[in-house]
C-alpha atoms as a PDB file:
ATOM      1  CA  MET A   1     -29.941 -56.195   7.860  1.00  0.00           C
ATOM      2  CA  ILE A   2     -26.118 -55.957   8.075  1.00  0.00           C
ATOM      3  CA  ALA A   3     -24.887 -54.792  11.474  1.00  0.00           C
ATOM      4  CA  VAL A   4     -21.794 -53.235  11.180  1.00  0.00           C
ATOM      5  CA  MET A   5     -19.233 -52.954  13.565  1.00  0.00           C
ATOM      6  CA  GLY A   6     -16.429 -50.445  13.201  1.00  0.00           C
ATOM      7  CA  ALA A   7     -18.153 -48.382  11.299  1.00  0.00           C
ATOM      8  CA  THR A   8     -16.003 -45.169  11.749  1.00  0.00           C
ATOM      9  CA  GLY A   9     -12.978 -47.647  10.907  1.00  0.00           C
ATOM     10  CA  ALA A  10     -10.765 -48.043   7.786  1.00  0.00           C
ATOM     11  CA  THR A  11     -12.558 -51.270   7.163  1.00  0.00           C
ATOM     12  CA  GLY A  12     -15.902 -50.403   8.380  1.00  0.00           C
ATOM     13  CA  ASN A  13     -16.490 -47.083   7.019  1.00  0.00           C
ATOM     14  CA  ALA A  14     -15.133 -49.221   3.398  1.00  0.00           C
ATOM     15  CA  LEU A  15     -17.945 -51.912   4.017  1.00  0.00           C
ATOM     16  CA  LEU A  16     -20.597 -48.673   4.525  1.00  0.00           C
ATOM     17  CA  HIS A  17     -20.051 -47.813   1.323  1.00  0.00           C
ATOM     18  CA  SER A  18     -19.369 -50.416  -0.425  1.00  0.00           C
ATOM     19  CA  LEU A  19     -23.232 -51.848   0.771  1.00  0.00           C
ATOM     20  CA  LEU A  20     -24.726 -48.842  -0.147  1.00  0.00           C
ATOM     21  CA  THR A  21     -23.253 -49.068  -3.695  1.00  0.00           C
ATOM     22  CA  LEU A  22     -25.159 -52.455  -3.144  1.00  0.00           C
ATOM     23  CA  GLY A  23     -28.734 -51.019  -2.135  1.00  0.00           C
ATOM     24  CA  THR A  24     -28.389 -53.311   0.778  1.00  0.00           C
ATOM     25  CA  PRO A  25     -30.104 -52.357   3.848  1.00  0.00           C
ATOM     26  CA  VAL A  26     -27.248 -51.450   6.426  1.00  0.00           C
ATOM     27  CA  ARG A  27     -26.877 -50.760  10.133  1.00  0.00           C
ATOM     28  CA  ALA A  28     -23.406 -48.670  11.423  1.00  0.00           C
ATOM     29  CA  LEU A  29     -22.586 -49.564  15.217  1.00  0.00           C
ATOM     30  CA  THR A  30     -20.152 -46.672  16.625  1.00  0.00           C
ATOM     31  CA  ARG A  31     -19.839 -45.718  20.302  1.00  0.00           C
ATOM     32  CA  THR A  32     -20.319 -42.237  19.000  1.00  0.00           C
ATOM     33  CA  PRO A  33     -23.932 -42.388  17.261  1.00  0.00           C
ATOM     34  CA  HIS A  34     -24.570 -38.876  17.584  1.00  0.00           C
ATOM     35  CA  ASP A  35     -21.464 -38.064  15.244  1.00  0.00           C
ATOM     36  CA  PRO A  36     -21.170 -37.890  11.308  1.00  0.00           C
ATOM     37  CA  ILE A  37     -20.067 -40.659   9.787  1.00  0.00           C
ATOM     38  CA  PRO A  38     -17.367 -40.410   7.650  1.00  0.00           C
ATOM     39  CA  GLY A  39     -18.849 -39.913   3.938  1.00  0.00           C
ATOM     40  CA  ILE A  40     -22.187 -41.297   5.433  1.00  0.00           C
ATOM     41  CA  THR A  41     -25.416 -38.184   4.618  1.00  0.00           C
ATOM     42  CA  GLY A  42     -28.918 -38.897   5.581  1.00  0.00           C
ATOM     43  CA  ALA A  43     -29.100 -38.590   1.765  1.00  0.00           C
ATOM     44  CA  HIS A  44     -28.195 -42.287   1.281  1.00  0.00           C
ATOM     45  CA  ARG A  45     -30.878 -44.917  -0.330  1.00  0.00           C
ATOM     46  CA  PRO A  46     -31.349 -46.737   1.319  1.00  0.00           C
ATOM     47  CA  PRO A  47     -30.657 -45.037   4.890  1.00  0.00           C
ATOM     48  CA  VAL A  48     -27.939 -46.167   6.778  1.00  0.00           C
ATOM     49  CA  GLU A  49     -29.377 -46.562  10.351  1.00  0.00           C
ATOM     50  CA  VAL A  50     -27.058 -45.655  12.758  1.00  0.00           C
ATOM     51  CA  GLN A  51     -27.187 -47.556  16.350  1.00  0.00           C
ATOM     52  CA  TYR A  52     -24.937 -46.831  19.660  1.00  0.00           C
ATOM     53  CA  ALA A  53     -22.824 -50.072  20.474  1.00  0.00           C
ATOM     54  CA  ASP A  54     -19.951 -50.666  22.675  1.00  0.00           C
ATOM     55  CA  ALA A  55     -18.413 -53.847  23.216  1.00  0.00           C
ATOM     56  CA  THR A  56     -17.605 -53.145  27.270  1.00  0.00           C
ATOM     57  CA  ASP A  57     -21.567 -52.735  27.064  1.00  0.00           C
ATOM     58  CA  PRO A  58     -23.298 -55.702  26.584  1.00  0.00           C
ATOM     59  CA  HIS A  59     -26.971 -54.470  26.672  1.00  0.00           C
ATOM     60  CA  SER A  60     -26.376 -51.966  24.030  1.00  0.00           C
ATOM     61  CA  LEU A  61     -24.531 -54.938  21.799  1.00  0.00           C
ATOM     62  CA  ARG A  62     -28.187 -56.769  21.829  1.00  0.00           C
ATOM     63  CA  THR A  63     -29.433 -53.578  21.442  1.00  0.00           C
ATOM     64  CA  ALA A  64     -27.697 -53.072  18.268  1.00  0.00           C
ATOM     65  CA  PHE A  65     -28.250 -56.534  17.019  1.00  0.00           C
ATOM     66  CA  LYS A  66     -31.754 -57.085  17.391  1.00  0.00           C
ATOM     67  CA  GLY A  67     -33.503 -57.728  13.824  1.00  0.00           C
ATOM     68  CA  ALA A  68     -29.705 -58.120  12.191  1.00  0.00           C
ATOM     69  CA  SER A  69     -29.445 -61.278  10.201  1.00  0.00           C
ATOM     70  CA  GLN A  70     -25.378 -60.643   9.602  1.00  0.00           C
ATOM     71  CA  LEU A  71     -22.398 -58.933  11.532  1.00  0.00           C
ATOM     72  CA  PHE A  72     -19.229 -57.694  10.425  1.00  0.00           C
ATOM     73  CA  LEU A  73     -16.709 -57.519  13.073  1.00  0.00           C
ATOM     74  CA  ALA A  74     -14.020 -55.452  12.885  1.00  0.00           C
ATOM     75  CA  MET A  75     -12.387 -53.726  16.215  1.00  0.00           C
ATOM     76  CA  ALA A  76      -8.903 -51.809  16.781  1.00  0.00           C
ATOM     77  CA  ASN A  77      -6.282 -54.214  17.793  1.00  0.00           C
ATOM     78  CA  SER A  78      -5.812 -53.830  21.781  1.00  0.00           C
ATOM     79  CA  PRO A  79      -4.755 -55.472  24.819  1.00  0.00           C
ATOM     80  CA  ALA A  80      -9.011 -56.488  25.356  1.00  0.00           C
ATOM     81  CA  GLN A  81      -9.572 -57.656  22.206  1.00  0.00           C
ATOM     82  CA  VAL A  82      -9.732 -61.129  22.434  1.00  0.00           C
ATOM     83  CA  GLU A  83     -12.536 -60.790  25.468  1.00  0.00           C
ATOM     84  CA  LEU A  84     -14.047 -58.040  23.564  1.00  0.00           C
ATOM     85  CA  GLU A  85     -14.625 -59.999  20.512  1.00  0.00           C
ATOM     86  CA  THR A  86     -15.619 -62.975  21.985  1.00  0.00           C
ATOM     87  CA  ARG A  87     -18.131 -61.154  24.275  1.00  0.00           C
ATOM     88  CA  VAL A  88     -19.207 -59.585  20.873  1.00  0.00           C
ATOM     89  CA  ILE A  89     -19.427 -63.270  18.856  1.00  0.00           C
ATOM     90  CA  ASP A  90     -21.392 -64.657  22.270  1.00  0.00           C
ATOM     91  CA  ILE A  91     -24.377 -62.003  22.299  1.00  0.00           C
ATOM     92  CA  ALA A  92     -24.240 -62.200  18.456  1.00  0.00           C
ATOM     93  CA  ALA A  93     -25.023 -65.916  18.556  1.00  0.00           C
ATOM     94  CA  HIS A  94     -28.319 -65.172  21.085  1.00  0.00           C
ATOM     95  CA  SER A  95     -29.253 -62.511  19.032  1.00  0.00           C
ATOM     96  CA  GLY A  96     -29.877 -64.239  16.396  1.00  0.00           C
ATOM     97  CA  ILE A  97     -26.978 -63.118  14.070  1.00  0.00           C
ATOM     98  CA  GLY A  98     -26.303 -65.899  11.371  1.00  0.00           C
ATOM     99  CA  HIS A  99     -23.394 -64.749   9.911  1.00  0.00           C
ATOM    100  CA  ILE A 100     -19.979 -63.150  10.950  1.00  0.00           C
ATOM    101  CA  VAL A 101     -17.589 -61.704   8.557  1.00  0.00           C
ATOM    102  CA  LYS A 102     -14.481 -61.160  10.580  1.00  0.00           C
ATOM    103  CA  ILE A 103     -11.859 -58.932  10.236  1.00  0.00           C
ATOM    104  CA  SER A 104      -8.188 -61.415  11.207  1.00  0.00           C
ATOM    105  CA  ALA A 105      -4.914 -60.961  10.382  1.00  0.00           C
ATOM    106  CA  PRO A 106      -1.989 -63.015   8.502  1.00  0.00           C
ATOM    107  CA  ALA A 107      -0.753 -65.711  10.946  1.00  0.00           C
ATOM    108  CA  ALA A 108      -3.490 -66.133  12.841  1.00  0.00           C
ATOM    109  CA  GLU A 109      -2.014 -69.201  14.649  1.00  0.00           C
ATOM    110  CA  PRO A 110      -1.499 -70.543  18.113  1.00  0.00           C
ATOM    111  CA  ASP A 111       2.332 -70.175  17.961  1.00  0.00           C
ATOM    112  CA  SER A 112       2.689 -66.822  16.267  1.00  0.00           C
ATOM    113  CA  PRO A 113       5.281 -64.931  17.137  1.00  0.00           C
ATOM    114  CA  VAL A 114       2.761 -61.657  16.553  1.00  0.00           C
ATOM    115  CA  ALA A 115       0.996 -61.703  19.843  1.00  0.00           C
ATOM    116  CA  VAL A 116      -1.960 -60.023  18.082  1.00  0.00           C
ATOM    117  CA  SER A 117      -2.037 -62.824  15.405  1.00  0.00           C
ATOM    118  CA  ARG A 118      -2.474 -65.387  18.492  1.00  0.00           C
ATOM    119  CA  GLY A 119      -5.339 -63.235  19.549  1.00  0.00           C
ATOM    120  CA  HIS A 120      -6.764 -63.340  16.434  1.00  0.00           C
ATOM    121  CA  HIS A 121      -6.742 -67.163  16.120  1.00  0.00           C
ATOM    122  CA  ALA A 122      -8.445 -67.488  19.789  1.00  0.00           C
ATOM    123  CA  VAL A 123     -10.748 -65.567  18.537  1.00  0.00           C
ATOM    124  CA  GLU A 124     -11.476 -67.405  14.984  1.00  0.00           C
ATOM    125  CA  GLU A 125     -11.415 -70.349  17.080  1.00  0.00           C
ATOM    126  CA  HIS A 126     -14.068 -69.398  19.137  1.00  0.00           C
ATOM    127  CA  LEU A 127     -16.098 -68.170  16.445  1.00  0.00           C
ATOM    128  CA  SER A 128     -15.771 -71.897  14.866  1.00  0.00           C
ATOM    129  CA  ALA A 129     -17.229 -73.463  18.162  1.00  0.00           C
ATOM    130  CA  SER A 130     -20.005 -70.896  18.345  1.00  0.00           C
ATOM    131  CA  GLY A 131     -21.865 -72.945  15.371  1.00  0.00           C
ATOM    132  CA  LEU A 132     -22.329 -69.463  13.488  1.00  0.00           C
ATOM    133  CA  THR A 133     -21.752 -69.494   9.605  1.00  0.00           C
ATOM    134  CA  HIS A 134     -18.638 -67.478   9.358  1.00  0.00           C
ATOM    135  CA  THR A 135     -16.181 -65.833   7.206  1.00  0.00           C
ATOM    136  CA  ILE A 136     -12.408 -64.954   8.075  1.00  0.00           C
ATOM    137  CA  LEU A 137     -10.464 -62.213   5.710  1.00  0.00           C
ATOM    138  CA  ARG A 138      -6.854 -61.884   7.017  1.00  0.00           C
ATOM    139  CA  PRO A 139      -5.821 -58.551   5.135  1.00  0.00           C
ATOM    140  CA  TYR A 140      -2.359 -57.842   5.325  1.00  0.00           C
ATOM    141  CA  ALA A 141      -0.967 -54.435   6.259  1.00  0.00           C
ATOM    142  CA  PHE A 142      -3.326 -50.840   5.298  1.00  0.00           C
ATOM    143  CA  MET A 143      -2.521 -48.667   2.359  1.00  0.00           C
ATOM    144  CA  GLN A 144      -4.006 -46.480   4.729  1.00  0.00           C
ATOM    145  CA  ASN A 145      -1.709 -46.975   7.438  1.00  0.00           C
ATOM    146  CA  LEU A 146       0.963 -45.741   5.372  1.00  0.00           C
ATOM    147  CA  LEU A 147      -0.308 -41.671   5.795  1.00  0.00           C
ATOM    148  CA  ARG A 148       1.143 -42.595   9.499  1.00  0.00           C
ATOM    149  CA  LEU A 149       4.499 -42.289   8.152  1.00  0.00           C
ATOM    150  CA  ALA A 150       4.132 -38.613   7.022  1.00  0.00           C
ATOM    151  CA  PRO A 151       5.511 -36.932   9.679  1.00  0.00           C
ATOM    152  CA  THR A 152       9.153 -39.073   9.205  1.00  0.00           C
ATOM    153  CA  VAL A 153       8.432 -38.479   5.191  1.00  0.00           C
ATOM    154  CA  ALA A 154       8.452 -35.171   6.194  1.00  0.00           C
ATOM    155  CA  ARG A 155      12.070 -35.451   7.270  1.00  0.00           C
ATOM    156  CA  GLY A 156      12.981 -37.138   4.277  1.00  0.00           C
ATOM    157  CA  VAL A 157      13.089 -40.931   5.906  1.00  0.00           C
ATOM    158  CA  ILE A 158      11.394 -43.729   6.358  1.00  0.00           C
ATOM    159  CA  LEU A 159      12.139 -45.545   9.416  1.00  0.00           C
ATOM    160  CA  ALA A 160      11.325 -49.586   9.754  1.00  0.00           C
ATOM    161  CA  THR A 161      13.552 -53.162  10.182  1.00  0.00           C
ATOM    162  CA  THR A 162      12.902 -54.874   7.402  1.00  0.00           C
ATOM    163  CA  GLY A 163      15.319 -54.492   4.999  1.00  0.00           C
ATOM    164  CA  ASP A 164      14.906 -55.386   1.591  1.00  0.00           C
ATOM    165  CA  ALA A 165      11.742 -57.500   2.508  1.00  0.00           C
ATOM    166  CA  PRO A 166       9.060 -57.362   0.500  1.00  0.00           C
ATOM    167  CA  LEU A 167       5.759 -56.148   2.083  1.00  0.00           C
ATOM    168  CA  ASN A 168       2.437 -56.848   1.390  1.00  0.00           C
ATOM    169  CA  HIS A 169      -0.458 -53.993   1.174  1.00  0.00           C
ATOM    170  CA  ILE A 170      -3.901 -53.638   0.381  1.00  0.00           C
ATOM    171  CA  ASP A 171      -6.053 -50.395  -0.129  1.00  0.00           C
ATOM    172  CA  CYS A 172      -9.221 -50.663   2.436  1.00  0.00           C
ATOM    173  CA  ARG A 173     -11.668 -50.313  -0.043  1.00  0.00           C
ATOM    174  CA  ASP A 174     -10.907 -53.374  -1.023  1.00  0.00           C
ATOM    175  CA  ILE A 175     -11.452 -55.311   2.434  1.00  0.00           C
ATOM    176  CA  GLY A 176     -14.720 -53.575   2.174  1.00  0.00           C
ATOM    177  CA  ASP A 177     -16.037 -54.310  -1.334  1.00  0.00           C
ATOM    178  CA  VAL A 178     -14.571 -58.114  -0.033  1.00  0.00           C
ATOM    179  CA  ALA A 179     -16.557 -57.930   2.793  1.00  0.00           C
ATOM    180  CA  ALA A 180     -19.524 -56.558   1.117  1.00  0.00           C
ATOM    181  CA  ALA A 181     -19.299 -59.887  -1.129  1.00  0.00           C
ATOM    182  CA  ALA A 182     -18.859 -62.420   1.850  1.00  0.00           C
ATOM    183  CA  LEU A 183     -22.058 -60.473   2.876  1.00  0.00           C
ATOM    184  CA  THR A 184     -24.436 -60.615   0.152  1.00  0.00           C
ATOM    185  CA  ARG A 185     -22.819 -63.536  -1.774  1.00  0.00           C
ATOM    186  CA  PRO A 186     -23.702 -66.911  -0.101  1.00  0.00           C
ATOM    187  CA  ASP A 187     -21.281 -68.634  -2.297  1.00  0.00           C
ATOM    188  CA  ILE A 188     -18.043 -67.244  -1.236  1.00  0.00           C
ATOM    189  CA  ALA A 189     -19.539 -67.139   2.882  1.00  0.00           C
ATOM    190  CA  GLY A 190     -17.743 -69.674   4.581  1.00  0.00           C
ATOM    191  CA  ALA A 191     -14.233 -69.378   3.886  1.00  0.00           C
ATOM    192  CA  VAL A 192     -10.979 -68.200   4.899  1.00  0.00           C
ATOM    193  CA  TYR A 193      -9.212 -65.294   2.528  1.00  0.00           C
ATOM    194  CA  THR A 194      -5.966 -63.541   2.931  1.00  0.00           C
ATOM    195  CA  LEU A 195      -6.744 -60.673   0.839  1.00  0.00           C
ATOM    196  CA  THR A 196      -3.313 -58.345  -0.574  1.00  0.00           C
ATOM    197  CA  GLY A 197      -2.707 -55.857  -3.158  1.00  0.00           C
ATOM    198  CA  PRO A 198      -1.282 -56.882  -6.297  1.00  0.00           C
ATOM    199  CA  GLU A 199       2.432 -56.518  -5.638  1.00  0.00           C
ATOM    200  CA  ALA A 200       4.894 -56.945  -2.588  1.00  0.00           C
ATOM    201  CA  VAL A 201       6.787 -53.602  -2.229  1.00  0.00           C
ATOM    202  CA  SER A 202       9.923 -53.255   0.008  1.00  0.00           C
ATOM    203  CA  TYR A 203      10.392 -50.142   2.023  1.00  0.00           C
ATOM    204  CA  PRO A 204      13.648 -48.988   0.250  1.00  0.00           C
ATOM    205  CA  GLU A 205      11.265 -49.292  -3.131  1.00  0.00           C
ATOM    206  CA  LEU A 206       8.643 -47.476  -1.426  1.00  0.00           C
ATOM    207  CA  ALA A 207      10.905 -44.555  -0.404  1.00  0.00           C
ATOM    208  CA  SER A 208      11.926 -44.594  -3.897  1.00  0.00           C
ATOM    209  CA  ARG A 209       8.440 -44.187  -5.099  1.00  0.00           C
ATOM    210  CA  LEU A 210       7.664 -41.307  -2.801  1.00  0.00           C
ATOM    211  CA  THR A 211      10.783 -39.600  -3.639  1.00  0.00           C
ATOM    212  CA  ALA A 212       9.563 -39.725  -7.221  1.00  0.00           C
ATOM    213  CA  LEU A 213       6.341 -38.952  -6.426  1.00  0.00           C
ATOM    214  CA  THR A 214       7.300 -35.838  -4.469  1.00  0.00           C
ATOM    215  CA  GLY A 215      10.603 -34.810  -6.310  1.00  0.00           C
ATOM    216  CA  ASP A 216      12.012 -34.935  -2.239  1.00  0.00           C
ATOM    217  CA  PRO A 217      15.304 -36.908  -1.602  1.00  0.00           C
ATOM    218  CA  ILE A 218      13.269 -39.819   1.017  1.00  0.00           C
ATOM    219  CA  ARG A 219      16.136 -42.469   2.041  1.00  0.00           C
ATOM    220  CA  TYR A 220      15.056 -45.715   3.744  1.00  0.00           C
ATOM    221  CA  VAL A 221      16.885 -46.297   6.958  1.00  0.00           C
ATOM    222  CA  ASN A 222      17.152 -49.627   8.893  1.00  0.00           C
ATOM    223  CA  LEU A 223      16.905 -49.769  12.106  1.00  0.00           C
ATOM    224  CA  THR A 224      17.495 -52.899  14.387  1.00  0.00           C
ATOM    225  CA  PRO A 225      14.002 -54.200  16.486  1.00  0.00           C
ATOM    226  CA  ASP A 226      15.605 -52.586  19.674  1.00  0.00           C
ATOM    227  CA  GLU A 227      15.827 -49.028  18.277  1.00  0.00           C
ATOM    228  CA  LEU A 228      12.390 -49.150  16.068  1.00  0.00           C
ATOM    229  CA  ARG A 229      10.809 -50.095  19.444  1.00  0.00           C
ATOM    230  CA  ASP A 230      12.292 -47.059  21.053  1.00  0.00           C
ATOM    231  CA  ASN A 231      11.524 -44.620  18.462  1.00  0.00           C
ATOM    232  CA  LEU A 232       7.997 -45.686  18.511  1.00  0.00           C
ATOM    233  CA  ILE A 233       7.716 -45.497  22.327  1.00  0.00           C
ATOM    234  CA  HIS A 234       9.478 -42.216  22.395  1.00  0.00           C
ATOM    235  CA  ASP A 235       9.222 -40.274  18.937  1.00  0.00           C
ATOM    236  CA  ALA A 236       5.831 -41.766  17.747  1.00  0.00           C
ATOM    237  CA  HIS A 237       4.455 -41.976  21.507  1.00  0.00           C
ATOM    238  CA  MET A 238       3.035 -45.072  20.950  1.00  0.00           C
ATOM    239  CA  PRO A 239       1.870 -47.132  24.399  1.00  0.00           C
ATOM    240  CA  THR A 240       4.446 -50.328  24.554  1.00  0.00           C
ATOM    241  CA  TRP A 241       2.285 -52.864  23.459  1.00  0.00           C
ATOM    242  CA  LEU A 242       1.865 -51.500  20.177  1.00  0.00           C
ATOM    243  CA  ALA A 243       5.281 -50.847  19.766  1.00  0.00           C
ATOM    244  CA  ASP A 244       5.861 -54.392  20.558  1.00  0.00           C
ATOM    245  CA  HIS A 245       2.586 -55.263  17.612  1.00  0.00           C
ATOM    246  CA  VAL A 246       4.779 -53.249  14.897  1.00  0.00           C
ATOM    247  CA  THR A 247       8.398 -54.680  15.580  1.00  0.00           C
ATOM    248  CA  GLU A 248       7.023 -58.133  15.566  1.00  0.00           C
ATOM    249  CA  ILE A 249       5.184 -57.916  12.387  1.00  0.00           C
ATOM    250  CA  GLN A 250       8.127 -56.474  10.646  1.00  0.00           C
ATOM    251  CA  HIS A 251      10.631 -59.317  12.260  1.00  0.00           C
ATOM    252  CA  LEU A 252       7.785 -61.473  10.526  1.00  0.00           C
ATOM    253  CA  ALA A 253       7.991 -60.198   7.213  1.00  0.00           C
ATOM    254  CA  ILE A 254      11.717 -60.869   7.440  1.00  0.00           C
ATOM    255  CA  THR A 255      11.570 -64.735   8.017  1.00  0.00           C
ATOM    256  CA  ARG A 256       8.599 -65.400   6.618  1.00  0.00           C
ATOM    257  CA  PRO A 257       8.557 -63.902   3.140  1.00  0.00           C
ATOM    258  CA  GLU A 258       5.305 -61.905   2.069  1.00  0.00           C
ATOM    259  CA  THR A 259       4.169 -62.248  -1.864  1.00  0.00           C
ATOM    260  CA  PRO A 260       1.032 -61.299  -3.068  1.00  0.00           C
ATOM    261  CA  THR A 261      -2.643 -63.470  -2.745  1.00  0.00           C
ATOM    262  CA  THR A 262      -5.118 -63.758  -5.851  1.00  0.00           C
ATOM    263  CA  ALA A 263      -8.210 -63.473  -3.069  1.00  0.00           C
ATOM    264  CA  VAL A 264      -9.413 -59.994  -4.230  1.00  0.00           C
ATOM    265  CA  THR A 265      -9.582 -60.499  -8.002  1.00  0.00           C
ATOM    266  CA  ASP A 266     -11.009 -64.221  -7.497  1.00  0.00           C
ATOM    267  CA  ILE A 267     -13.814 -62.633  -5.443  1.00  0.00           C
ATOM    268  CA  LEU A 268     -14.021 -59.346  -7.329  1.00  0.00           C
ATOM    269  CA  GLY A 269     -13.261 -60.204 -10.611  1.00  0.00           C
ATOM    270  CA  ARG A 270     -10.999 -57.278 -10.826  1.00  0.00           C
ATOM    271  CA  PRO A 271      -7.789 -56.723  -9.766  1.00  0.00           C
ATOM    272  CA  PRO A 272      -6.601 -54.937  -6.269  1.00  0.00           C
ATOM    273  CA  ARG A 273      -6.313 -51.397  -6.199  1.00  0.00           C
ATOM    274  CA  THR A 274      -2.163 -50.431  -6.584  1.00  0.00           C
ATOM    275  CA  LEU A 275       0.228 -49.052  -4.166  1.00  0.00           C
ATOM    276  CA  ASP A 276       1.017 -46.137  -7.001  1.00  0.00           C
ATOM    277  CA  ALA A 277      -2.529 -45.406  -7.031  1.00  0.00           C
ATOM    278  CA  PHE A 278      -2.534 -45.035  -3.536  1.00  0.00           C
ATOM    279  CA  LEU A 279       0.267 -43.084  -3.202  1.00  0.00           C
ATOM    280  CA  HIS A 280      -0.375 -40.661  -6.559  1.00  0.00           C
ATOM    281  CA  GLU A 281      -3.990 -40.265  -4.469  1.00  0.00           C
ATOM    282  CA  HIS A 282      -2.566 -38.747  -1.756  1.00  0.00           C
ATOM    283  CA  HIS A 283       0.591 -37.216  -2.549  1.00  0.00           C
ATOM    284  CA  GLY A 284      -0.500 -33.857  -0.972  1.00  0.00           C
ATOM    285  CA  HIS A 285       0.119 -36.141   2.800  1.00  0.00           C
ATOM    286  CA  PHE A 286       3.519 -36.473   1.702  1.00  0.00           C
ATOM    287  CA  ARG A 287       5.244 -32.851   0.383  1.00  0.00           C
ATOM    288  CA  ARG A 288       7.413 -31.075   2.920  1.00  0.00           C
END
């Protein structure tokens, strides 16, 4: 039995679909077990077992992990992430979980300029000390998060601080497929994988592609980090810590140029999904 934390999130839900395709027994863990899980119905065979689990509730974790042999750990970034994920790891270790696949982040280093990445490093270190077999997936930016640009794209602009710097993106469905492989293939478990799509694309190039796709003129506007941070807080209504995070990762893309990896192809035997395919699939989100 594979337990999936974050079953309603982008990567966790993608993993559920991948495991169901493989016919693998899976337990979806969620804080809202009575709500439908996207794309999952009672007709699936094998059926998906849905269980309440909340990282702030240790008892719920012990119940949710009972009888499971592996755990997929993905949690939304937050100021409490290190505390919550280390708690999950400790309870998993005491509950008989033998292998954890954790979603981490690029530049997960103790001195990373990105605070969230420093947190992921701390969790990775805790996981190593636990003695559990563990696989670390470090995906770059999710293509699905580009859908959040739709409100500004509707105004004809993309706002960022990265200039012409190339940016890695990856479709969450590819992350789900890689996670499923790590959970079902012992030959690739126990390693660290940095995951990207097949190309790194700058925001000016993204604006050009969206212009061609929608027929509406879309331009890239390069802001200073302070201007972007203020825009995210006041216009996008982001909490301060999240606006800081976005600003930090964009600055990192300038100081540490991003290039694609071959990890997805190496593991799955096929190339990762392309940005153009994703944009065409979701073109309706970007039309005015």
